[in-house]
Amino acid sequence: MARISQRAMNNVVIIAMLLMIALFNIDSFLPKQDVPQYQSLLPRDAYVLKIEQDENTLERSGQLWRQRTRAKSVAIAPDKQFSAWQQAALEPISGVPTQISSSQPLVVVVWVAGQTSGLVYGFYPQTSPTVVKFDNNWYTLTNAQLNTLLPWIQ
């Protein structure tokens, strides 16, 4: 019977350990896909109480929604407006678009039950598609039009 020397056995153990480390970390060696991560405009399962933009609001009144605005008429019903908020999504973009460097955003605060502070969105309507700043990250608005989310803007 052939006998393995101590040095050869140590080499076998070292190689086996290196193979195990490589096997457990194989996902870190594979290239990452740059697939855009869409996220919902509103947090999933959030109980939204109110959406405010300047002096305009969309607020919950029991199970219904009510718009309070200074606009003479609003072309979209409150429940359709809230449905648009639920369906809207954000697609991440890299960097700040150059068109918005000197423009002011439309600031919208969404109040969610159970949170002490509102979710603050900055919408830049002069871009196409609409650019949104949320949590210090830049996104484009998808699955909705800004005039559907904020029908009182002209």
N, C-alpha and C. Protein backbone atom coordinates (compact mmCIF):
# COMPACT_ATOMS: atom_id res chain seq x y z
N MET A 1 0.84 -1.15 0.00
CA MET A 1 0.00 0.00 0.00
C MET A 1 0.90 1.23 0.00
N ALA A 2 0.52 2.21 -0.84
CA ALA A 2 1.33 3.42 -0.93
C ALA A 2 0.98 4.35 0.21
N ARG A 3 2.02 4.93 0.71
CA ARG A 3 1.84 5.82 1.84
C ARG A 3 2.12 7.25 1.38
N ILE A 4 1.22 8.22 1.81
CA ILE A 4 1.38 9.62 1.44
C ILE A 4 2.19 10.30 2.53
N SER A 5 3.13 11.10 2.08
CA SER A 5 3.97 11.79 3.07
C SER A 5 3.17 12.90 3.75
N GLN A 6 3.68 13.36 4.86
CA GLN A 6 3.03 14.43 5.63
C GLN A 6 2.89 15.69 4.78
N ARG A 7 3.91 16.00 4.02
CA ARG A 7 3.90 17.20 3.18
C ARG A 7 2.83 17.09 2.09
N ALA A 8 2.70 15.93 1.48
CA ALA A 8 1.69 15.73 0.44
C ALA A 8 0.29 15.82 1.02
N MET A 9 0.09 15.28 2.22
CA MET A 9 -1.22 15.35 2.89
C MET A 9 -1.60 16.80 3.21
N ASN A 10 -0.63 17.59 3.66
CA ASN A 10 -0.88 19.02 3.92
C ASN A 10 -1.30 19.74 2.64
N ASN A 11 -0.65 19.41 1.53
CA ASN A 11 -1.00 20.04 0.26
C ASN A 11 -2.42 19.65 -0.18
N VAL A 12 -2.80 18.39 0.04
CA VAL A 12 -4.15 17.94 -0.29
C VAL A 12 -5.18 18.70 0.54
N VAL A 13 -4.91 18.88 1.83
CA VAL A 13 -5.84 19.61 2.71
C VAL A 13 -5.94 21.07 2.29
N ILE A 14 -4.83 21.70 1.96
CA ILE A 14 -4.84 23.11 1.53
C ILE A 14 -5.63 23.27 0.24
N ILE A 15 -5.43 22.40 -0.72
CA ILE A 15 -6.15 22.49 -2.00
C ILE A 15 -7.65 22.24 -1.78
N ALA A 16 -7.99 21.28 -0.93
CA ALA A 16 -9.40 21.02 -0.64
C ALA A 16 -10.06 22.24 0.01
N MET A 17 -9.35 22.89 0.93
CA MET A 17 -9.91 24.09 1.58
C MET A 17 -10.09 25.22 0.56
N LEU A 18 -9.13 25.42 -0.33
CA LEU A 18 -9.25 26.46 -1.35
C LEU A 18 -10.43 26.17 -2.28
N LEU A 19 -10.62 24.91 -2.64
CA LEU A 19 -11.76 24.55 -3.48
C LEU A 19 -13.09 24.80 -2.76
N MET A 20 -13.15 24.51 -1.49
CA MET A 20 -14.36 24.77 -0.72
C MET A 20 -14.65 26.27 -0.63
N ILE A 21 -13.63 27.07 -0.39
CA ILE A 21 -13.82 28.52 -0.33
C ILE A 21 -14.32 29.04 -1.68
N ALA A 22 -13.73 28.58 -2.76
CA ALA A 22 -14.15 29.00 -4.09
C ALA A 22 -15.59 28.56 -4.37
N LEU A 23 -15.95 27.35 -3.95
CA LEU A 23 -17.29 26.84 -4.16
C LEU A 23 -18.33 27.67 -3.41
N PHE A 24 -18.05 28.01 -2.16
CA PHE A 24 -19.00 28.79 -1.37
C PHE A 24 -19.10 30.24 -1.83
N ASN A 25 -18.11 30.74 -2.54
CA ASN A 25 -18.11 32.13 -3.00
C ASN A 25 -18.22 32.24 -4.51
N ILE A 26 -18.73 31.22 -5.15
CA ILE A 26 -18.81 31.21 -6.62
C ILE A 26 -19.64 32.38 -7.15
N ASP A 27 -20.71 32.77 -6.44
CA ASP A 27 -21.55 33.86 -6.92
C ASP A 27 -20.82 35.19 -6.95
N SER A 28 -19.80 35.38 -6.11
CA SER A 28 -19.06 36.63 -6.14
C SER A 28 -18.09 36.69 -7.32
N PHE A 29 -17.79 35.56 -7.92
CA PHE A 29 -16.90 35.53 -9.08
C PHE A 29 -17.64 35.72 -10.39
N LEU A 30 -18.95 35.47 -10.40
CA LEU A 30 -19.75 35.60 -11.61
C LEU A 30 -20.05 37.07 -11.88
N PRO A 31 -20.12 37.47 -13.15
CA PRO A 31 -20.42 38.88 -13.45
C PRO A 31 -21.86 39.22 -13.06
N LYS A 32 -22.05 40.43 -12.58
CA LYS A 32 -23.37 40.91 -12.19
C LYS A 32 -24.09 41.46 -13.41
N GLN A 33 -25.38 41.21 -13.49
CA GLN A 33 -26.18 41.75 -14.58
C GLN A 33 -26.64 43.15 -14.22
N ASP A 34 -26.60 44.05 -15.19
CA ASP A 34 -27.04 45.42 -14.98
C ASP A 34 -28.49 45.58 -15.39
N VAL A 35 -29.36 44.79 -14.80
CA VAL A 35 -30.79 44.89 -15.08
C VAL A 35 -31.36 45.98 -14.19
N PRO A 36 -32.06 46.97 -14.76
CA PRO A 36 -32.63 48.03 -13.93
C PRO A 36 -33.61 47.46 -12.91
N GLN A 37 -33.51 47.95 -11.72
CA GLN A 37 -34.39 47.51 -10.65
C GLN A 37 -35.53 48.52 -10.53
N TYR A 38 -36.70 48.15 -11.00
CA TYR A 38 -37.87 48.99 -10.86
C TYR A 38 -38.37 48.89 -9.42
N GLN A 39 -38.88 49.98 -8.92
CA GLN A 39 -39.52 49.94 -7.62
C GLN A 39 -40.82 50.72 -7.70
N SER A 40 -41.75 50.33 -6.89
CA SER A 40 -43.04 50.99 -6.86
C SER A 40 -42.88 52.41 -6.33
N LEU A 41 -43.67 53.34 -6.85
CA LEU A 41 -43.61 54.73 -6.38
C LEU A 41 -44.02 54.81 -4.91
N LEU A 42 -45.07 54.10 -4.55
CA LEU A 42 -45.49 54.02 -3.15
C LEU A 42 -44.99 52.71 -2.56
N PRO A 43 -44.64 52.70 -1.28
CA PRO A 43 -44.20 51.44 -0.66
C PRO A 43 -45.32 50.40 -0.72
N ARG A 44 -44.91 49.15 -0.90
CA ARG A 44 -45.89 48.06 -0.96
C ARG A 44 -46.65 47.98 0.36
N ASP A 45 -47.95 47.72 0.29
CA ASP A 45 -48.82 47.56 1.45
C ASP A 45 -48.83 48.77 2.38
N ALA A 46 -48.49 49.94 1.86
CA ALA A 46 -48.53 51.16 2.68
C ALA A 46 -49.97 51.66 2.75
N TYR A 47 -50.37 52.10 3.92
CA TYR A 47 -51.69 52.70 4.10
C TYR A 47 -51.51 54.21 4.00
N VAL A 48 -51.74 54.73 2.81
CA VAL A 48 -51.52 56.15 2.53
C VAL A 48 -52.67 56.96 3.10
N LEU A 49 -52.32 58.01 3.84
CA LEU A 49 -53.33 58.89 4.43
C LEU A 49 -53.56 60.13 3.58
N LYS A 50 -52.46 60.70 3.05
CA LYS A 50 -52.59 61.96 2.34
C LYS A 50 -51.41 62.14 1.40
N ILE A 51 -51.67 62.80 0.26
CA ILE A 51 -50.63 63.18 -0.69
C ILE A 51 -50.76 64.69 -0.85
N GLU A 52 -49.69 65.42 -0.53
CA GLU A 52 -49.70 66.88 -0.56
C GLU A 52 -48.71 67.42 -1.57
N GLN A 53 -49.14 68.45 -2.29
CA GLN A 53 -48.25 69.19 -3.20
C GLN A 53 -48.69 70.63 -3.15
N ASP A 54 -47.85 71.48 -2.56
CA ASP A 54 -48.19 72.89 -2.30
C ASP A 54 -49.50 72.96 -1.51
N GLU A 55 -50.50 73.64 -2.07
CA GLU A 55 -51.79 73.79 -1.38
C GLU A 55 -52.80 72.74 -1.85
N ASN A 56 -52.36 71.79 -2.62
CA ASN A 56 -53.23 70.75 -3.17
C ASN A 56 -53.03 69.46 -2.40
N THR A 57 -54.13 68.76 -2.14
CA THR A 57 -54.02 67.48 -1.43
C THR A 57 -54.98 66.45 -2.01
N LEU A 58 -54.57 65.22 -1.87
CA LEU A 58 -55.42 64.07 -2.12
C LEU A 58 -55.41 63.33 -0.79
N GLU A 59 -56.57 63.28 -0.12
CA GLU A 59 -56.60 62.71 1.22
C GLU A 59 -57.66 61.63 1.34
N ARG A 60 -57.35 60.71 2.23
CA ARG A 60 -58.27 59.60 2.50
C ARG A 60 -59.41 60.13 3.37
N SER A 61 -60.62 59.75 2.99
CA SER A 61 -61.80 60.09 3.76
C SER A 61 -62.59 58.80 3.94
N GLY A 62 -62.27 58.07 5.00
CA GLY A 62 -62.85 56.74 5.19
C GLY A 62 -62.24 55.79 4.19
N GLN A 63 -63.07 55.18 3.36
CA GLN A 63 -62.57 54.29 2.31
C GLN A 63 -62.47 55.00 0.96
N LEU A 64 -62.87 56.27 0.92
CA LEU A 64 -62.85 57.04 -0.32
C LEU A 64 -61.71 58.04 -0.31
N TRP A 65 -61.50 58.70 -1.44
CA TRP A 65 -60.47 59.72 -1.58
C TRP A 65 -61.13 61.05 -1.93
N ARG A 66 -60.52 62.14 -1.46
CA ARG A 66 -61.05 63.47 -1.69
C ARG A 66 -59.90 64.38 -2.12
N GLN A 67 -60.16 65.19 -3.15
CA GLN A 67 -59.18 66.17 -3.62
C GLN A 67 -59.52 67.53 -3.05
N ARG A 68 -58.49 68.23 -2.56
CA ARG A 68 -58.64 69.62 -2.13
C ARG A 68 -57.63 70.43 -2.92
N THR A 69 -58.14 71.30 -3.75
CA THR A 69 -57.26 72.05 -4.64
C THR A 69 -57.85 73.43 -4.93
N ARG A 70 -56.99 74.33 -5.33
CA ARG A 70 -57.45 75.65 -5.75
C ARG A 70 -57.74 75.70 -7.25
N ALA A 71 -57.45 74.61 -7.93
CA ALA A 71 -57.73 74.54 -9.37
C ALA A 71 -59.24 74.60 -9.58
N LYS A 72 -59.65 75.24 -10.67
CA LYS A 72 -61.08 75.39 -10.94
C LYS A 72 -61.73 74.03 -11.19
N SER A 73 -61.04 73.17 -11.91
CA SER A 73 -61.57 71.83 -12.15
C SER A 73 -60.41 70.86 -12.26
N VAL A 74 -60.69 69.64 -11.84
CA VAL A 74 -59.69 68.57 -11.92
C VAL A 74 -60.28 67.50 -12.82
N ALA A 75 -59.53 67.11 -13.84
CA ALA A 75 -60.05 66.21 -14.87
C ALA A 75 -60.08 64.75 -14.44
N ILE A 76 -59.46 64.42 -13.32
CA ILE A 76 -59.37 63.03 -12.90
C ILE A 76 -60.05 62.86 -11.54
N ALA A 77 -60.83 61.80 -11.41
CA ALA A 77 -61.50 61.51 -10.14
C ALA A 77 -60.46 61.11 -9.09
N PRO A 78 -60.74 61.39 -7.82
CA PRO A 78 -59.76 61.09 -6.76
C PRO A 78 -59.33 59.63 -6.70
N ASP A 79 -60.26 58.69 -6.89
CA ASP A 79 -59.87 57.28 -6.82
C ASP A 79 -58.99 56.88 -7.99
N LYS A 80 -59.20 57.48 -9.17
CA LYS A 80 -58.35 57.22 -10.33
C LYS A 80 -56.96 57.81 -10.10
N GLN A 81 -56.92 58.96 -9.45
CA GLN A 81 -55.63 59.58 -9.14
C GLN A 81 -54.82 58.69 -8.20
N PHE A 82 -55.47 58.17 -7.17
CA PHE A 82 -54.74 57.31 -6.23
C PHE A 82 -54.33 56.00 -6.90
N SER A 83 -55.17 55.46 -7.77
CA SER A 83 -54.80 54.24 -8.52
C SER A 83 -53.55 54.48 -9.36
N ALA A 84 -53.43 55.67 -9.93
CA ALA A 84 -52.23 56.00 -10.71
C ALA A 84 -50.99 56.00 -9.82
N TRP A 85 -51.12 56.51 -8.59
CA TRP A 85 -50.01 56.49 -7.65
C TRP A 85 -49.61 55.05 -7.31
N GLN A 86 -50.59 54.17 -7.17
CA GLN A 86 -50.29 52.79 -6.83
C GLN A 86 -49.63 52.04 -7.98
N GLN A 87 -49.96 52.39 -9.21
CA GLN A 87 -49.42 51.68 -10.38
C GLN A 87 -48.09 52.25 -10.85
N ALA A 88 -47.78 53.48 -10.47
CA ALA A 88 -46.56 54.13 -10.94
C ALA A 88 -45.32 53.44 -10.38
N ALA A 89 -44.26 53.48 -11.17
CA ALA A 89 -43.00 52.86 -10.76
C ALA A 89 -41.85 53.83 -11.01
N LEU A 90 -40.73 53.55 -10.36
CA LEU A 90 -39.52 54.34 -10.51
C LEU A 90 -38.43 53.45 -11.09
N GLU A 91 -37.76 53.96 -12.12
CA GLU A 91 -36.64 53.24 -12.72
C GLU A 91 -35.36 54.02 -12.40
N PRO A 92 -34.38 53.38 -11.76
CA PRO A 92 -33.16 54.11 -11.39
C PRO A 92 -32.39 54.62 -12.61
N ILE A 93 -31.80 55.79 -12.46
CA ILE A 93 -30.90 56.33 -13.49
C ILE A 93 -29.59 56.69 -12.80
N SER A 94 -28.56 56.73 -13.57
CA SER A 94 -27.25 57.05 -13.00
C SER A 94 -26.96 58.53 -13.23
N GLY A 95 -26.78 59.24 -12.15
CA GLY A 95 -26.42 60.65 -12.26
C GLY A 95 -27.60 61.58 -12.43
N VAL A 96 -27.31 62.85 -12.26
CA VAL A 96 -28.32 63.91 -12.36
C VAL A 96 -28.42 64.36 -13.81
N PRO A 97 -29.61 64.33 -14.40
CA PRO A 97 -29.77 64.82 -15.77
C PRO A 97 -29.42 66.30 -15.87
N THR A 98 -28.80 66.69 -16.97
CA THR A 98 -28.34 68.08 -17.13
C THR A 98 -29.51 69.07 -17.27
N GLN A 99 -30.66 68.62 -17.77
CA GLN A 99 -31.79 69.54 -17.97
C GLN A 99 -32.32 70.11 -16.66
N ILE A 100 -32.08 69.46 -15.54
CA ILE A 100 -32.71 69.90 -14.29
C ILE A 100 -31.77 70.68 -13.39
N SER A 101 -30.58 71.02 -13.88
CA SER A 101 -29.60 71.68 -13.02
C SER A 101 -30.10 73.02 -12.48
N SER A 102 -30.89 73.75 -13.24
CA SER A 102 -31.35 75.06 -12.79
C SER A 102 -32.86 75.11 -12.52
N SER A 103 -33.52 73.99 -12.54
CA SER A 103 -34.98 74.00 -12.36
C SER A 103 -35.36 73.57 -10.95
N GLN A 104 -36.53 74.00 -10.55
CA GLN A 104 -37.07 73.66 -9.23
C GLN A 104 -38.05 72.49 -9.37
N PRO A 105 -37.99 71.53 -8.45
CA PRO A 105 -38.91 70.40 -8.54
C PRO A 105 -40.28 70.74 -7.97
N LEU A 106 -41.26 69.93 -8.34
CA LEU A 106 -42.55 69.95 -7.67
C LEU A 106 -42.39 69.00 -6.48
N VAL A 107 -42.45 69.54 -5.28
CA VAL A 107 -42.24 68.73 -4.08
C VAL A 107 -43.57 68.16 -3.63
N VAL A 108 -43.59 66.83 -3.47
CA VAL A 108 -44.79 66.12 -3.05
C VAL A 108 -44.45 65.32 -1.81
N VAL A 109 -45.32 65.42 -0.79
CA VAL A 109 -45.13 64.66 0.45
C VAL A 109 -46.27 63.66 0.57
N VAL A 110 -45.90 62.40 0.75
CA VAL A 110 -46.89 61.33 0.91
C VAL A 110 -46.84 60.90 2.37
N TRP A 111 -47.99 61.01 3.05
CA TRP A 111 -48.09 60.64 4.46
C TRP A 111 -48.63 59.22 4.56
N VAL A 112 -47.87 58.36 5.24
CA VAL A 112 -48.22 56.95 5.38
C VAL A 112 -48.48 56.67 6.85
N ALA A 113 -49.52 55.90 7.13
CA ALA A 113 -49.86 55.55 8.51
C ALA A 113 -48.69 54.81 9.16
N GLY A 114 -48.39 55.17 10.41
CA GLY A 114 -47.34 54.51 11.15
C GLY A 114 -45.98 55.14 10.99
N GLN A 115 -45.84 56.14 10.14
CA GLN A 115 -44.56 56.82 9.97
C GLN A 115 -44.66 58.25 10.47
N THR A 116 -43.63 58.69 11.19
CA THR A 116 -43.65 60.02 11.78
C THR A 116 -43.35 61.12 10.78
N SER A 117 -42.67 60.79 9.70
CA SER A 117 -42.39 61.79 8.67
C SER A 117 -42.88 61.28 7.32
N GLY A 118 -43.18 62.21 6.45
CA GLY A 118 -43.70 61.84 5.14
C GLY A 118 -42.60 61.43 4.17
N LEU A 119 -43.01 60.77 3.10
CA LEU A 119 -42.10 60.42 2.02
C LEU A 119 -42.05 61.61 1.07
N VAL A 120 -40.86 62.14 0.82
CA VAL A 120 -40.72 63.36 0.02
C VAL A 120 -40.19 63.01 -1.37
N TYR A 121 -40.95 63.43 -2.38
CA TYR A 121 -40.59 63.22 -3.78
C TYR A 121 -40.38 64.57 -4.44
N GLY A 122 -39.39 64.66 -5.29
CA GLY A 122 -39.17 65.84 -6.12
C GLY A 122 -39.39 65.47 -7.57
N PHE A 123 -40.46 65.98 -8.18
CA PHE A 123 -40.78 65.69 -9.57
C PHE A 123 -40.28 66.84 -10.45
N TYR A 124 -39.60 66.51 -11.53
CA TYR A 124 -39.10 67.50 -12.49
C TYR A 124 -39.89 67.34 -13.78
N PRO A 125 -40.98 68.12 -13.94
CA PRO A 125 -41.88 67.92 -15.08
C PRO A 125 -41.31 68.37 -16.42
N GLN A 126 -40.25 69.17 -16.42
CA GLN A 126 -39.72 69.68 -17.68
C GLN A 126 -38.84 68.66 -18.42
N THR A 127 -38.70 67.47 -17.87
CA THR A 127 -37.92 66.42 -18.53
C THR A 127 -38.87 65.39 -19.15
N SER A 128 -38.36 64.67 -20.11
CA SER A 128 -39.16 63.60 -20.71
C SER A 128 -38.30 62.36 -20.80
N PRO A 129 -38.60 61.31 -20.10
CA PRO A 129 -39.68 61.15 -19.13
C PRO A 129 -39.41 61.96 -17.87
N THR A 130 -40.44 62.06 -17.03
CA THR A 130 -40.33 62.84 -15.80
C THR A 130 -39.27 62.24 -14.89
N VAL A 131 -38.38 63.10 -14.41
CA VAL A 131 -37.33 62.68 -13.48
C VAL A 131 -37.84 62.89 -12.06
N VAL A 132 -37.52 61.94 -11.18
CA VAL A 132 -37.96 61.98 -9.78
C VAL A 132 -36.75 61.82 -8.88
N LYS A 133 -36.67 62.66 -7.86
CA LYS A 133 -35.63 62.49 -6.84
C LYS A 133 -36.33 62.00 -5.58
N PHE A 134 -35.85 60.85 -5.06
CA PHE A 134 -36.45 60.26 -3.88
C PHE A 134 -35.34 59.60 -3.07
N ASP A 135 -35.26 59.89 -1.80
CA ASP A 135 -34.22 59.35 -0.91
C ASP A 135 -32.82 59.59 -1.47
N ASN A 136 -32.58 60.78 -2.00
CA ASN A 136 -31.28 61.16 -2.57
C ASN A 136 -30.85 60.29 -3.73
N ASN A 137 -31.79 59.64 -4.39
CA ASN A 137 -31.52 58.85 -5.59
C ASN A 137 -32.35 59.41 -6.73
N TRP A 138 -31.89 59.21 -7.95
CA TRP A 138 -32.55 59.72 -9.14
C TRP A 138 -33.23 58.59 -9.90
N TYR A 139 -34.45 58.86 -10.36
CA TYR A 139 -35.26 57.88 -11.06
C TYR A 139 -35.99 58.55 -12.22
N THR A 140 -36.53 57.72 -13.11
CA THR A 140 -37.51 58.22 -14.07
C THR A 140 -38.84 57.58 -13.73
N LEU A 141 -39.89 58.32 -13.98
CA LEU A 141 -41.25 57.86 -13.68
C LEU A 141 -41.74 56.97 -14.81
N THR A 142 -42.22 55.78 -14.47
CA THR A 142 -42.78 54.87 -15.47
C THR A 142 -44.17 54.42 -15.02
N ASN A 143 -44.94 53.92 -15.95
CA ASN A 143 -46.31 53.41 -15.72
C ASN A 143 -47.29 54.49 -15.28
N ALA A 144 -46.94 55.76 -15.41
CA ALA A 144 -47.87 56.84 -15.06
C ALA A 144 -47.38 58.14 -15.68
N GLN A 145 -48.32 59.04 -15.85
CA GLN A 145 -48.01 60.39 -16.31
C GLN A 145 -48.13 61.35 -15.14
N LEU A 146 -47.30 62.36 -15.12
CA LEU A 146 -47.32 63.31 -14.00
C LEU A 146 -48.66 64.02 -13.89
N ASN A 147 -49.30 64.34 -15.02
CA ASN A 147 -50.59 65.02 -14.95
C ASN A 147 -51.71 64.12 -14.43
N THR A 148 -51.47 62.80 -14.34
CA THR A 148 -52.41 61.89 -13.71
C THR A 148 -52.17 61.83 -12.21
N LEU A 149 -50.88 61.86 -11.82
CA LEU A 149 -50.54 61.85 -10.39
C LEU A 149 -50.91 63.17 -9.73
N LEU A 150 -50.66 64.26 -10.43
CA LEU A 150 -50.93 65.61 -9.91
C LEU A 150 -51.80 66.35 -10.93
N PRO A 151 -53.09 66.04 -11.00
CA PRO A 151 -53.93 66.61 -12.06
C PRO A 151 -54.18 68.10 -11.91
N TRP A 152 -53.87 68.68 -10.78
CA TRP A 152 -54.11 70.12 -10.59
C TRP A 152 -53.00 70.98 -11.16
N ILE A 153 -51.87 70.39 -11.58
CA ILE A 153 -50.80 71.21 -12.17
C ILE A 153 -51.18 71.53 -13.60
N GLN A 154 -50.79 72.66 -14.07
CA GLN A 154 -51.14 73.09 -15.43
C GLN A 154 -49.95 72.97 -16.34
